[in-house]
Amino acid sequence: MKRRPTIAEARVKKEMRRLQRRANVAERAVAHNAHRAGLKTIASHLRALGVDDATAAGMAATLRKKLSGGIKGFVRKDGIRRSCTRYTLGQVMGGLVDYKPRKDTYKAARAELLALAA
């Protein structure tokens, strides 16, 4: 016949399960943050590469039509959750190759960014 654990043993096992759950959650959080670190919106990638805000917003609007395969997510703006799509830097740079802007400032920014990538 199987023996029931004592109260002290049950407490120890409960604490061990709690600590294991905590360790698992921390491990998943680290993996999630590492994965998410390379993902940004198109405009965020462009700003990080040195393009000014207005130009980045304008280029991002057109590049969104060229790119596919991003990860859907949410961003908080002015206290409101808005949907967004996040891309890797490689996806954004690949989209810039196909991107043919008409505005001179966008052409100059595209040329600079492609020169940085090369």
PDB file of N, CA and C in Angstrom:
ATOM      1  N   MET A   1       0.827  -1.176   0.000  1.00  0.00           N
ATOM      2  CA  MET A   1       0.000   0.000   0.000  1.00  0.00           C
ATOM      3  C   MET A   1       0.882   1.254   0.000  1.00  0.00           C
ATOM      4  N   LYS A   2       0.463   2.237  -0.816  1.00  0.00           N
ATOM      5  CA  LYS A   2       1.255   3.454  -0.957  1.00  0.00           C
ATOM      6  C   LYS A   2       1.051   4.354   0.260  1.00  0.00           C
ATOM      7  N   ARG A   3       2.162   4.879   0.761  1.00  0.00           N
ATOM      8  CA  ARG A   3       2.134   5.737   1.934  1.00  0.00           C
ATOM      9  C   ARG A   3       1.870   7.180   1.514  1.00  0.00           C
ATOM     10  N   ARG A   4       1.000   7.848   2.227  1.00  0.00           N
ATOM     11  CA  ARG A   4       0.737   9.273   1.977  1.00  0.00           C
ATOM     12  C   ARG A   4       1.890  10.109   2.513  1.00  0.00           C
ATOM     13  N   PRO A   5       2.242  11.178   1.815  1.00  0.00           N
ATOM     14  CA  PRO A   5       3.332  12.021   2.337  1.00  0.00           C
ATOM     15  C   PRO A   5       2.874  12.758   3.601  1.00  0.00           C
ATOM     16  N   THR A   6       3.846  13.042   4.442  1.00  0.00           N
ATOM     17  CA  THR A   6       3.529  13.794   5.648  1.00  0.00           C
ATOM     18  C   THR A   6       3.248  15.242   5.257  1.00  0.00           C
ATOM     19  N   ILE A   7       2.746  16.019   6.182  1.00  0.00           N
ATOM     20  CA  ILE A   7       2.437  17.433   5.914  1.00  0.00           C
ATOM     21  C   ILE A   7       3.707  18.180   5.528  1.00  0.00           C
ATOM     22  N   ALA A   8       4.787  17.895   6.214  1.00  0.00           N
ATOM     23  CA  ALA A   8       6.055  18.573   5.906  1.00  0.00           C
ATOM     24  C   ALA A   8       6.541  18.211   4.508  1.00  0.00           C
ATOM     25  N   GLU A   9       6.433  16.918   4.149  1.00  0.00           N
ATOM     26  CA  GLU A   9       6.841  16.496   2.806  1.00  0.00           C
ATOM     27  C   GLU A   9       5.971  17.158   1.739  1.00  0.00           C
ATOM     28  N   ALA A  10       4.683  17.245   1.984  1.00  0.00           N
ATOM     29  CA  ALA A  10       3.765  17.879   1.031  1.00  0.00           C
ATOM     30  C   ALA A  10       4.117  19.345   0.827  1.00  0.00           C
ATOM     31  N   ARG A  11       4.463  20.026   1.918  1.00  0.00           N
ATOM     32  CA  ARG A  11       4.854  21.439   1.810  1.00  0.00           C
ATOM     33  C   ARG A  11       6.122  21.598   0.978  1.00  0.00           C
ATOM     34  N   VAL A  12       7.084  20.712   1.215  1.00  0.00           N
ATOM     35  CA  VAL A  12       8.353  20.782   0.475  1.00  0.00           C
ATOM     36  C   VAL A  12       8.105  20.535  -1.011  1.00  0.00           C
ATOM     37  N   LYS A  13       7.289  19.524  -1.321  1.00  0.00           N
ATOM     38  CA  LYS A  13       6.981  19.222  -2.726  1.00  0.00           C
ATOM     39  C   LYS A  13       6.245  20.378  -3.392  1.00  0.00           C
ATOM     40  N   LYS A  14       5.325  20.986  -2.664  1.00  0.00           N
ATOM     41  CA  LYS A  14       4.572  22.122  -3.197  1.00  0.00           C
ATOM     42  C   LYS A  14       5.520  23.283  -3.514  1.00  0.00           C
ATOM     43  N   GLU A  15       6.453  23.540  -2.591  1.00  0.00           N
ATOM     44  CA  GLU A  15       7.436  24.606  -2.801  1.00  0.00           C
ATOM     45  C   GLU A  15       8.344  24.290  -3.986  1.00  0.00           C
ATOM     46  N   MET A  16       8.729  23.033  -4.130  1.00  0.00           N
ATOM     47  CA  MET A  16       9.584  22.642  -5.252  1.00  0.00           C
ATOM     48  C   MET A  16       8.853  22.821  -6.584  1.00  0.00           C
ATOM     49  N   ARG A  17       7.574  22.467  -6.616  1.00  0.00           N
ATOM     50  CA  ARG A  17       6.786  22.673  -7.844  1.00  0.00           C
ATOM     51  C   ARG A  17       6.659  24.153  -8.174  1.00  0.00           C
ATOM     52  N   ARG A  18       6.446  24.972  -7.146  1.00  0.00           N
ATOM     53  CA  ARG A  18       6.329  26.417  -7.338  1.00  0.00           C
ATOM     54  C   ARG A  18       7.625  26.991  -7.897  1.00  0.00           C
ATOM     55  N   LEU A  19       8.763  26.583  -7.335  1.00  0.00           N
ATOM     56  CA  LEU A  19      10.056  27.071  -7.818  1.00  0.00           C
ATOM     57  C   LEU A  19      10.326  26.612  -9.252  1.00  0.00           C
ATOM     58  N   GLN A  20       9.934  25.392  -9.583  1.00  0.00           N
ATOM     59  CA  GLN A  20      10.125  24.887 -10.938  1.00  0.00           C
ATOM     60  C   GLN A  20       9.268  25.667 -11.928  1.00  0.00           C
ATOM     61  N   ARG A  21       8.015  25.965 -11.536  1.00  0.00           N
ATOM     62  CA  ARG A  21       7.148  26.770 -12.402  1.00  0.00           C
ATOM     63  C   ARG A  21       7.743  28.140 -12.642  1.00  0.00           C
ATOM     64  N   ARG A  22       8.272  28.747 -11.567  1.00  0.00           N
ATOM     65  CA  ARG A  22       8.899  30.063 -11.691  1.00  0.00           C
ATOM     66  C   ARG A  22      10.088  30.031 -12.643  1.00  0.00           C
ATOM     67  N   ALA A  23      10.906  28.996 -12.532  1.00  0.00           N
ATOM     68  CA  ALA A  23      12.076  28.848 -13.401  1.00  0.00           C
ATOM     69  C   ALA A  23      11.636  28.674 -14.854  1.00  0.00           C
ATOM     70  N   ASN A  24      10.572  27.896 -15.078  1.00  0.00           N
ATOM     71  CA  ASN A  24      10.063  27.693 -16.439  1.00  0.00           C
ATOM     72  C   ASN A  24       9.557  29.000 -17.032  1.00  0.00           C
ATOM     73  N   VAL A  25       8.827  29.773 -16.233  1.00  0.00           N
ATOM     74  CA  VAL A  25       8.305  31.055 -16.711  1.00  0.00           C
ATOM     75  C   VAL A  25       9.452  32.008 -17.039  1.00  0.00           C
ATOM     76  N   ALA A  26      10.467  32.058 -16.187  1.00  0.00           N
ATOM     77  CA  ALA A  26      11.618  32.929 -16.436  1.00  0.00           C
ATOM     78  C   ALA A  26      12.355  32.515 -17.706  1.00  0.00           C
ATOM     79  N   GLU A  27      12.486  31.217 -17.923  1.00  0.00           N
ATOM     80  CA  GLU A  27      13.163  30.714 -19.125  1.00  0.00           C
ATOM     81  C   GLU A  27      12.388  31.104 -20.381  1.00  0.00           C
ATOM     82  N   ARG A  28      11.063  30.970 -20.343  1.00  0.00           N
ATOM     83  CA  ARG A  28      10.244  31.363 -21.490  1.00  0.00           C
ATOM     84  C   ARG A  28      10.312  32.871 -21.731  1.00  0.00           C
ATOM     85  N   ALA A  29      10.363  33.659 -20.656  1.00  0.00           N
ATOM     86  CA  ALA A  29      10.440  35.110 -20.793  1.00  0.00           C
ATOM     87  C   ALA A  29      11.752  35.528 -21.456  1.00  0.00           C
ATOM     88  N   VAL A  30      12.841  34.894 -21.074  1.00  0.00           N
ATOM     89  CA  VAL A  30      14.138  35.204 -21.689  1.00  0.00           C
ATOM     90  C   VAL A  30      14.116  34.859 -23.171  1.00  0.00           C
ATOM     91  N   ALA A  31      13.563  33.702 -23.514  1.00  0.00           N
ATOM     92  CA  ALA A  31      13.485  33.298 -24.924  1.00  0.00           C
ATOM     93  C   ALA A  31      12.599  34.252 -25.714  1.00  0.00           C
ATOM     94  N   HIS A  32      11.490  34.668 -25.115  1.00  0.00           N
ATOM     95  CA  HIS A  32      10.567  35.587 -25.791  1.00  0.00           C
ATOM     96  C   HIS A  32      11.229  36.942 -26.030  1.00  0.00           C
ATOM     97  N   ASN A  33      11.923  37.469 -25.023  1.00  0.00           N
ATOM     98  CA  ASN A  33      12.570  38.772 -25.163  1.00  0.00           C
ATOM     99  C   ASN A  33      13.698  38.723 -26.189  1.00  0.00           C
ATOM    100  N   ALA A  34      14.425  37.623 -26.233  1.00  0.00           N
ATOM    101  CA  ALA A  34      15.499  37.496 -27.215  1.00  0.00           C
ATOM    102  C   ALA A  34      14.921  37.459 -28.626  1.00  0.00           C
ATOM    103  N   HIS A  35      13.813  36.766 -28.790  1.00  0.00           N
ATOM    104  CA  HIS A  35      13.165  36.702 -30.099  1.00  0.00           C
ATOM    105  C   HIS A  35      12.620  38.066 -30.499  1.00  0.00           C
ATOM    106  N   ARG A  36      12.017  38.754 -29.557  1.00  0.00           N
ATOM    107  CA  ARG A  36      11.354  40.021 -29.853  1.00  0.00           C
ATOM    108  C   ARG A  36      12.352  41.164 -30.044  1.00  0.00           C
ATOM    109  N   ALA A  37      13.566  41.008 -29.530  1.00  0.00           N
ATOM    110  CA  ALA A  37      14.552  42.089 -29.607  1.00  0.00           C
ATOM    111  C   ALA A  37      14.848  42.478 -31.053  1.00  0.00           C
ATOM    112  N   GLY A  38      14.827  41.535 -31.977  1.00  0.00           N
ATOM    113  CA  GLY A  38      15.130  41.834 -33.375  1.00  0.00           C
ATOM    114  C   GLY A  38      13.924  42.279 -34.167  1.00  0.00           C
ATOM    115  N   LEU A  39      12.739  42.223 -33.572  1.00  0.00           N
ATOM    116  CA  LEU A  39      11.517  42.588 -34.289  1.00  0.00           C
ATOM    117  C   LEU A  39      11.106  44.007 -33.943  1.00  0.00           C
ATOM    118  N   LYS A  40      10.871  44.805 -34.977  1.00  0.00           N
ATOM    119  CA  LYS A  40      10.411  46.178 -34.792  1.00  0.00           C
ATOM    120  C   LYS A  40       9.459  46.504 -35.936  1.00  0.00           C
ATOM    121  N   THR A  41       8.737  47.593 -35.781  1.00  0.00           N
ATOM    122  CA  THR A  41       7.918  48.053 -36.889  1.00  0.00           C
ATOM    123  C   THR A  41       8.847  48.618 -37.967  1.00  0.00           C
ATOM    124  N   ILE A  42       8.322  48.805 -39.154  1.00  0.00           N
ATOM    125  CA  ILE A  42       9.151  49.307 -40.265  1.00  0.00           C
ATOM    126  C   ILE A  42       9.710  50.681 -39.928  1.00  0.00           C
ATOM    127  N   ALA A  43       8.842  51.559 -39.430  1.00  0.00           N
ATOM    128  CA  ALA A  43       9.288  52.914 -39.105  1.00  0.00           C
ATOM    129  C   ALA A  43      10.356  52.896 -38.013  1.00  0.00           C
ATOM    130  N   SER A  44      10.226  52.001 -37.049  1.00  0.00           N
ATOM    131  CA  SER A  44      11.229  51.909 -35.975  1.00  0.00           C
ATOM    132  C   SER A  44      12.581  51.478 -36.528  1.00  0.00           C
ATOM    133  N   HIS A  45      12.576  50.515 -37.448  1.00  0.00           N
ATOM    134  CA  HIS A  45      13.831  50.098 -38.084  1.00  0.00           C
ATOM    135  C   HIS A  45      14.458  51.272 -38.833  1.00  0.00           C
ATOM    136  N   LEU A  46      13.633  52.011 -39.578  1.00  0.00           N
ATOM    137  CA  LEU A  46      14.161  53.127 -40.364  1.00  0.00           C
ATOM    138  C   LEU A  46      14.721  54.215 -39.457  1.00  0.00           C
ATOM    139  N   ARG A  47      14.020  54.514 -38.359  1.00  0.00           N
ATOM    140  CA  ARG A  47      14.515  55.520 -37.413  1.00  0.00           C
ATOM    141  C   ARG A  47      15.829  55.070 -36.789  1.00  0.00           C
ATOM    142  N   ALA A  48      15.922  53.785 -36.461  1.00  0.00           N
ATOM    143  CA  ALA A  48      17.158  53.258 -35.861  1.00  0.00           C
ATOM    144  C   ALA A  48      18.334  53.343 -36.829  1.00  0.00           C
ATOM    145  N   LEU A  49      18.040  53.325 -38.127  1.00  0.00           N
ATOM    146  CA  LEU A  49      19.095  53.425 -39.135  1.00  0.00           C
ATOM    147  C   LEU A  49      19.445  54.872 -39.478  1.00  0.00           C
ATOM    148  N   GLY A  50      18.766  55.830 -38.840  1.00  0.00           N
ATOM    149  CA  GLY A  50      19.144  57.231 -39.002  1.00  0.00           C
ATOM    150  C   GLY A  50      18.231  58.076 -39.863  1.00  0.00           C
ATOM    151  N   VAL A  51      17.091  57.549 -40.268  1.00  0.00           N
ATOM    152  CA  VAL A  51      16.141  58.326 -41.070  1.00  0.00           C
ATOM    153  C   VAL A  51      15.288  59.166 -40.123  1.00  0.00           C
ATOM    154  N   ASP A  52      14.979  60.415 -40.498  1.00  0.00           N
ATOM    155  CA  ASP A  52      14.178  61.262 -39.615  1.00  0.00           C
ATOM    156  C   ASP A  52      12.732  60.754 -39.539  1.00  0.00           C
ATOM    157  N   ASP A  53      11.994  61.226 -38.540  1.00  0.00           N
ATOM    158  CA  ASP A  53      10.668  60.684 -38.229  1.00  0.00           C
ATOM    159  C   ASP A  53       9.677  60.807 -39.383  1.00  0.00           C
ATOM    160  N   ALA A  54       9.600  61.992 -39.989  1.00  0.00           N
ATOM    161  CA  ALA A  54       8.615  62.200 -41.059  1.00  0.00           C
ATOM    162  C   ALA A  54       8.919  61.309 -42.265  1.00  0.00           C
ATOM    163  N   THR A  55      10.173  61.222 -42.638  1.00  0.00           N
ATOM    164  CA  THR A  55      10.562  60.394 -43.775  1.00  0.00           C
ATOM    165  C   THR A  55      10.334  58.917 -43.460  1.00  0.00           C
ATOM    166  N   ALA A  56      10.656  58.501 -42.240  1.00  0.00           N
ATOM    167  CA  ALA A  56      10.466  57.100 -41.849  1.00  0.00           C
ATOM    168  C   ALA A  56       8.992  56.727 -41.894  1.00  0.00           C
ATOM    169  N   ALA A  57       8.124  57.616 -41.426  1.00  0.00           N
ATOM    170  CA  ALA A  57       6.683  57.331 -41.438  1.00  0.00           C
ATOM    171  C   ALA A  57       6.166  57.231 -42.865  1.00  0.00           C
ATOM    172  N   GLY A  58       6.617  58.114 -43.733  1.00  0.00           N
ATOM    173  CA  GLY A  58       6.172  58.093 -45.125  1.00  0.00           C
ATOM    174  C   GLY A  58       6.662  56.863 -45.873  1.00  0.00           C
ATOM    175  N   MET A  59       7.931  56.510 -45.657  1.00  0.00           N
ATOM    176  CA  MET A  59       8.475  55.336 -46.328  1.00  0.00           C
ATOM    177  C   MET A  59       7.821  54.062 -45.795  1.00  0.00           C
ATOM    178  N   ALA A  60       7.539  54.033 -44.496  1.00  0.00           N
ATOM    179  CA  ALA A  60       6.935  52.848 -43.889  1.00  0.00           C
ATOM    180  C   ALA A  60       5.543  52.586 -44.454  1.00  0.00           C
ATOM    181  N   ALA A  61       4.807  53.649 -44.743  1.00  0.00           N
ATOM    182  CA  ALA A  61       3.460  53.481 -45.285  1.00  0.00           C
ATOM    183  C   ALA A  61       3.498  52.739 -46.615  1.00  0.00           C
ATOM    184  N   THR A  62       4.466  53.041 -47.446  1.00  0.00           N
ATOM    185  CA  THR A  62       4.574  52.369 -48.736  1.00  0.00           C
ATOM    186  C   THR A  62       5.209  50.985 -48.597  1.00  0.00           C
ATOM    187  N   LEU A  63       6.219  50.880 -47.725  1.00  0.00           N
ATOM    188  CA  LEU A  63       6.889  49.594 -47.554  1.00  0.00           C
ATOM    189  C   LEU A  63       5.959  48.525 -46.982  1.00  0.00           C
ATOM    190  N   ARG A  64       4.951  48.939 -46.237  1.00  0.00           N
ATOM    191  CA  ARG A  64       3.993  47.972 -45.689  1.00  0.00           C
ATOM    192  C   ARG A  64       3.313  47.183 -46.797  1.00  0.00           C
ATOM    193  N   LYS A  65       3.116  47.825 -47.941  1.00  0.00           N
ATOM    194  CA  LYS A  65       2.475  47.150 -49.084  1.00  0.00           C
ATOM    195  C   LYS A  65       3.436  46.160 -49.745  1.00  0.00           C
ATOM    196  N   LYS A  66       4.733  46.424 -49.651  1.00  0.00           N
ATOM    197  CA  LYS A  66       5.731  45.574 -50.298  1.00  0.00           C
ATOM    198  C   LYS A  66       6.076  44.337 -49.464  1.00  0.00           C
ATOM    199  N   LEU A  67       6.031  44.492 -48.130  1.00  0.00           N
ATOM    200  CA  LEU A  67       6.480  43.418 -47.237  1.00  0.00           C
ATOM    201  C   LEU A  67       5.342  42.486 -46.866  1.00  0.00           C
ATOM    202  N   SER A  68       5.693  41.239 -46.652  1.00  0.00           N
ATOM    203  CA  SER A  68       4.722  40.277 -46.145  1.00  0.00           C
ATOM    204  C   SER A  68       5.441  39.378 -45.152  1.00  0.00           C
ATOM    205  N   GLY A  69       4.688  38.701 -44.313  1.00  0.00           N
ATOM    206  CA  GLY A  69       5.295  37.741 -43.409  1.00  0.00           C
ATOM    207  C   GLY A  69       5.739  38.294 -42.083  1.00  0.00           C
ATOM    208  N   GLY A  70       5.274  39.452 -41.708  1.00  0.00           N
ATOM    209  CA  GLY A  70       5.627  39.986 -40.398  1.00  0.00           C
ATOM    210  C   GLY A  70       4.828  39.312 -39.299  1.00  0.00           C
ATOM    211  N   ILE A  71       5.170  39.632 -38.077  1.00  0.00           N
ATOM    212  CA  ILE A  71       4.487  39.065 -36.917  1.00  0.00           C
ATOM    213  C   ILE A  71       3.516  40.105 -36.381  1.00  0.00           C
ATOM    214  N   LYS A  72       2.264  39.728 -36.282  1.00  0.00           N
ATOM    215  CA  LYS A  72       1.232  40.643 -35.792  1.00  0.00           C
ATOM    216  C   LYS A  72       1.448  40.888 -34.310  1.00  0.00           C
ATOM    217  N   GLY A  73       1.228  42.109 -33.885  1.00  0.00           N
ATOM    218  CA  GLY A  73       1.390  42.455 -32.479  1.00  0.00           C
ATOM    219  C   GLY A  73       0.607  43.703 -32.142  1.00  0.00           C
ATOM    220  N   PHE A  74       0.876  44.234 -30.966  1.00  0.00           N
ATOM    221  CA  PHE A  74       0.195  45.441 -30.517  1.00  0.00           C
ATOM    222  C   PHE A  74       1.223  46.409 -29.970  1.00  0.00           C
ATOM    223  N   VAL A  75       0.907  47.681 -30.078  1.00  0.00           N
ATOM    224  CA  VAL A  75       1.756  48.731 -29.531  1.00  0.00           C
ATOM    225  C   VAL A  75       0.845  49.684 -28.773  1.00  0.00           C
ATOM    226  N   ARG A  76       1.348  50.244 -27.689  1.00  0.00           N
ATOM    227  CA  ARG A  76       0.566  51.218 -26.939  1.00  0.00           C
ATOM    228  C   ARG A  76       0.968  52.604 -27.399  1.00  0.00           C
ATOM    229  N   LYS A  77      -0.007  53.358 -27.893  1.00  0.00           N
ATOM    230  CA  LYS A  77       0.243  54.722 -28.331  1.00  0.00           C
ATOM    231  C   LYS A  77      -0.825  55.611 -27.712  1.00  0.00           C
ATOM    232  N   ASP A  78      -0.403  56.589 -26.957  1.00  0.00           N
ATOM    233  CA  ASP A  78      -1.313  57.500 -26.268  1.00  0.00           C
ATOM    234  C   ASP A  78      -2.278  56.740 -25.361  1.00  0.00           C
ATOM    235  N   GLY A  79      -1.800  55.671 -24.744  1.00  0.00           N
ATOM    236  CA  GLY A  79      -2.617  54.901 -23.825  1.00  0.00           C
ATOM    237  C   GLY A  79      -3.614  53.971 -24.483  1.00  0.00           C
ATOM    238  N   ILE A  80      -3.543  53.847 -25.806  1.00  0.00           N
ATOM    239  CA  ILE A  80      -4.478  52.997 -26.548  1.00  0.00           C
ATOM    240  C   ILE A  80      -3.678  51.885 -27.219  1.00  0.00           C
ATOM    241  N   ARG A  81      -4.195  50.667 -27.138  1.00  0.00           N
ATOM    242  CA  ARG A  81      -3.540  49.536 -27.805  1.00  0.00           C
ATOM    243  C   ARG A  81      -3.892  49.543 -29.280  1.00  0.00           C
ATOM    244  N   ARG A  82      -2.886  49.615 -30.131  1.00  0.00           N
ATOM    245  CA  ARG A  82      -3.107  49.609 -31.577  1.00  0.00           C
ATOM    246  C   ARG A  82      -2.373  48.419 -32.181  1.00  0.00           C
ATOM    247  N   SER A  83      -2.965  47.867 -33.204  1.00  0.00           N
ATOM    248  CA  SER A  83      -2.322  46.712 -33.840  1.00  0.00           C
ATOM    249  C   SER A  83      -1.167  47.190 -34.718  1.00  0.00           C
ATOM    250  N   CYS A  84      -0.162  46.348 -34.824  1.00  0.00           N
ATOM    251  CA  CYS A  84       0.985  46.649 -35.668  1.00  0.00           C
ATOM    252  C   CYS A  84       1.563  45.334 -36.165  1.00  0.00           C
ATOM    253  N   THR A  85       2.471  45.423 -37.106  1.00  0.00           N
ATOM    254  CA  THR A  85       3.177  44.254 -37.608  1.00  0.00           C
ATOM    255  C   THR A  85       4.662  44.510 -37.435  1.00  0.00           C
ATOM    256  N   ARG A  86       5.359  43.543 -36.880  1.00  0.00           N
ATOM    257  CA  ARG A  86       6.791  43.694 -36.621  1.00  0.00           C
ATOM    258  C   ARG A  86       7.588  42.846 -37.614  1.00  0.00           C
ATOM    259  N   TYR A  87       8.721  43.395 -38.038  1.00  0.00           N
ATOM    260  CA  TYR A  87       9.564  42.743 -39.036  1.00  0.00           C
ATOM    261  C   TYR A  87      10.996  42.697 -38.535  1.00  0.00           C
ATOM    262  N   THR A  88      11.787  41.799 -39.118  1.00  0.00           N
ATOM    263  CA  THR A  88      13.216  41.772 -38.833  1.00  0.00           C
ATOM    264  C   THR A  88      13.902  42.806 -39.724  1.00  0.00           C
ATOM    265  N   LEU A  89      15.121  43.140 -39.383  1.00  0.00           N
ATOM    266  CA  LEU A  89      15.877  44.106 -40.185  1.00  0.00           C
ATOM    267  C   LEU A  89      16.104  43.577 -41.595  1.00  0.00           C
ATOM    268  N   GLY A  90      16.345  42.288 -41.732  1.00  0.00           N
ATOM    269  CA  GLY A  90      16.545  41.689 -43.052  1.00  0.00           C
ATOM    270  C   GLY A  90      15.320  41.820 -43.940  1.00  0.00           C
ATOM    271  N   GLN A  91      14.128  41.655 -43.360  1.00  0.00           N
ATOM    272  CA  GLN A  91      12.904  41.801 -44.143  1.00  0.00           C
ATOM    273  C   GLN A  91      12.746  43.245 -44.630  1.00  0.00           C
ATOM    274  N   VAL A  92      13.051  44.205 -43.756  1.00  0.00           N
ATOM    275  CA  VAL A  92      12.922  45.619 -44.136  1.00  0.00           C
ATOM    276  C   VAL A  92      13.931  45.969 -45.221  1.00  0.00           C
ATOM    277  N   MET A  93      15.160  45.499 -45.078  1.00  0.00           N
ATOM    278  CA  MET A  93      16.170  45.794 -46.093  1.00  0.00           C
ATOM    279  C   MET A  93      15.821  45.123 -47.418  1.00  0.00           C
ATOM    280  N   GLY A  94      15.249  43.934 -47.372  1.00  0.00           N
ATOM    281  CA  GLY A  94      14.788  43.273 -48.597  1.00  0.00           C
ATOM    282  C   GLY A  94      13.674  44.045 -49.268  1.00  0.00           C
ATOM    283  N   GLY A  95      12.805  44.618 -48.474  1.00  0.00           N
ATOM    284  CA  GLY A  95      11.732  45.445 -49.025  1.00  0.00           C
ATOM    285  C   GLY A  95      12.256  46.721 -49.652  1.00  0.00           C
ATOM    286  N   LEU A  96      13.333  47.258 -49.097  1.00  0.00           N
ATOM    287  CA  LEU A  96      13.921  48.483 -49.660  1.00  0.00           C
ATOM    288  C   LEU A  96      14.486  48.241 -51.054  1.00  0.00           C
ATOM    289  N   VAL A  97      14.920  47.030 -51.331  1.00  0.00           N
ATOM    290  CA  VAL A  97      15.461  46.721 -52.662  1.00  0.00           C
ATOM    291  C   VAL A  97      14.358  46.862 -53.711  1.00  0.00           C
ATOM    292  N   ASP A  98      13.148  46.394 -53.386  1.00  0.00           N
ATOM    293  CA  ASP A  98      12.024  46.478 -54.328  1.00  0.00           C
ATOM    294  C   ASP A  98      11.348  47.842 -54.323  1.00  0.00           C
ATOM    295  N   TYR A  99      11.601  48.641 -53.319  1.00  0.00           N
ATOM    296  CA  TYR A  99      10.929  49.930 -53.126  1.00  0.00           C
ATOM    297  C   TYR A  99      11.452  50.961 -54.112  1.00  0.00           C
ATOM    298  N   LYS A 100      10.559  51.551 -54.899  1.00  0.00           N
ATOM    299  CA  LYS A 100      10.929  52.575 -55.878  1.00  0.00           C
ATOM    300  C   LYS A 100      10.192  53.880 -55.548  1.00  0.00           C
ATOM    301  N   PRO A 101      10.798  54.718 -54.711  1.00  0.00           N
ATOM    302  CA  PRO A 101      10.116  55.953 -54.303  1.00  0.00           C
ATOM    303  C   PRO A 101      10.109  57.004 -55.406  1.00  0.00           C
ATOM    304  N   ARG A 102       9.133  57.903 -55.307  1.00  0.00           N
ATOM    305  CA  ARG A 102       9.063  59.019 -56.259  1.00  0.00           C
ATOM    306  C   ARG A 102       9.575  60.310 -55.644  1.00  0.00           C
ATOM    307  N   LYS A 103       9.394  60.465 -54.363  1.00  0.00           N
ATOM    308  CA  LYS A 103       9.804  61.695 -53.682  1.00  0.00           C
ATOM    309  C   LYS A 103      11.333  61.712 -53.509  1.00  0.00           C
ATOM    310  N   ASP A 104      11.942  62.869 -53.708  1.00  0.00           N
ATOM    311  CA  ASP A 104      13.400  62.976 -53.660  1.00  0.00           C
ATOM    312  C   ASP A 104      13.975  62.613 -52.292  1.00  0.00           C
ATOM    313  N   THR A 105      13.297  63.035 -51.208  1.00  0.00           N
ATOM    314  CA  THR A 105      13.818  62.720 -49.873  1.00  0.00           C
ATOM    315  C   THR A 105      13.790  61.209 -49.623  1.00  0.00           C
ATOM    316  N   TYR A 106      12.763  60.533 -50.129  1.00  0.00           N
ATOM    317  CA  TYR A 106      12.673  59.083 -49.969  1.00  0.00           C
ATOM    318  C   TYR A 106      13.735  58.378 -50.813  1.00  0.00           C
ATOM    319  N   LYS A 107      14.011  58.922 -52.011  1.00  0.00           N
ATOM    320  CA  LYS A 107      15.057  58.346 -52.862  1.00  0.00           C
ATOM    321  C   LYS A 107      16.415  58.450 -52.186  1.00  0.00           C
ATOM    322  N   ALA A 108      16.681  59.631 -51.592  1.00  0.00           N
ATOM    323  CA  ALA A 108      17.953  59.824 -50.921  1.00  0.00           C
ATOM    324  C   ALA A 108      18.083  58.905 -49.707  1.00  0.00           C
ATOM    325  N   ALA A 109      17.007  58.782 -48.942  1.00  0.00           N
ATOM    326  CA  ALA A 109      17.037  57.912 -47.758  1.00  0.00           C
ATOM    327  C   ALA A 109      17.222  56.451 -48.169  1.00  0.00           C
ATOM    328  N   ARG A 110      16.569  56.032 -49.234  1.00  0.00           N
ATOM    329  CA  ARG A 110      16.705  54.641 -49.718  1.00  0.00           C
ATOM    330  C   ARG A 110      18.146  54.383 -50.158  1.00  0.00           C
ATOM    331  N   ALA A 111      18.739  55.342 -50.875  1.00  0.00           N
ATOM    332  CA  ALA A 111      20.111  55.177 -51.341  1.00  0.00           C
ATOM    333  C   ALA A 111      21.077  55.060 -50.155  1.00  0.00           C
ATOM    334  N   GLU A 112      20.870  55.893 -49.120  1.00  0.00           N
ATOM    335  CA  GLU A 112      21.733  55.836 -47.929  1.00  0.00           C
ATOM    336  C   GLU A 112      21.592  54.484 -47.231  1.00  0.00           C
ATOM    337  N   LEU A 113      20.362  54.035 -47.083  1.00  0.00           N
ATOM    338  CA  LEU A 113      20.123  52.772 -46.377  1.00  0.00           C
ATOM    339  C   LEU A 113      20.700  51.585 -47.132  1.00  0.00           C
ATOM    340  N   LEU A 114      20.552  51.580 -48.448  1.00  0.00           N
ATOM    341  CA  LEU A 114      21.124  50.486 -49.231  1.00  0.00           C
ATOM    342  C   LEU A 114      22.653  50.535 -49.214  1.00  0.00           C
ATOM    343  N   ALA A 115      23.212  51.750 -49.136  1.00  0.00           N
ATOM    344  CA  ALA A 115      24.680  51.887 -49.033  1.00  0.00           C
ATOM    345  C   ALA A 115      25.161  51.345 -47.685  1.00  0.00           C
ATOM    346  N   LEU A 116      24.360  51.573 -46.634  1.00  0.00           N
ATOM    347  CA  LEU A 116      24.712  51.039 -45.307  1.00  0.00           C
ATOM    348  C   LEU A 116      24.693  49.504 -45.322  1.00  0.00           C
ATOM    349  N   ALA A 117      23.727  48.949 -46.022  1.00  0.00           N
ATOM    350  CA  ALA A 117      23.572  47.488 -46.044  1.00  0.00           C
ATOM    351  C   ALA A 117      24.711  46.820 -46.828  1.00  0.00           C
ATOM    352  N   ALA A 118      25.236  47.526 -47.806  1.00  0.00           N
ATOM    353  CA  ALA A 118      26.282  46.928 -48.653  1.00  0.00           C
ATOM    354  C   ALA A 118      27.632  46.892 -47.988  1.00  0.00           C
TER     355      ALA A 118
END
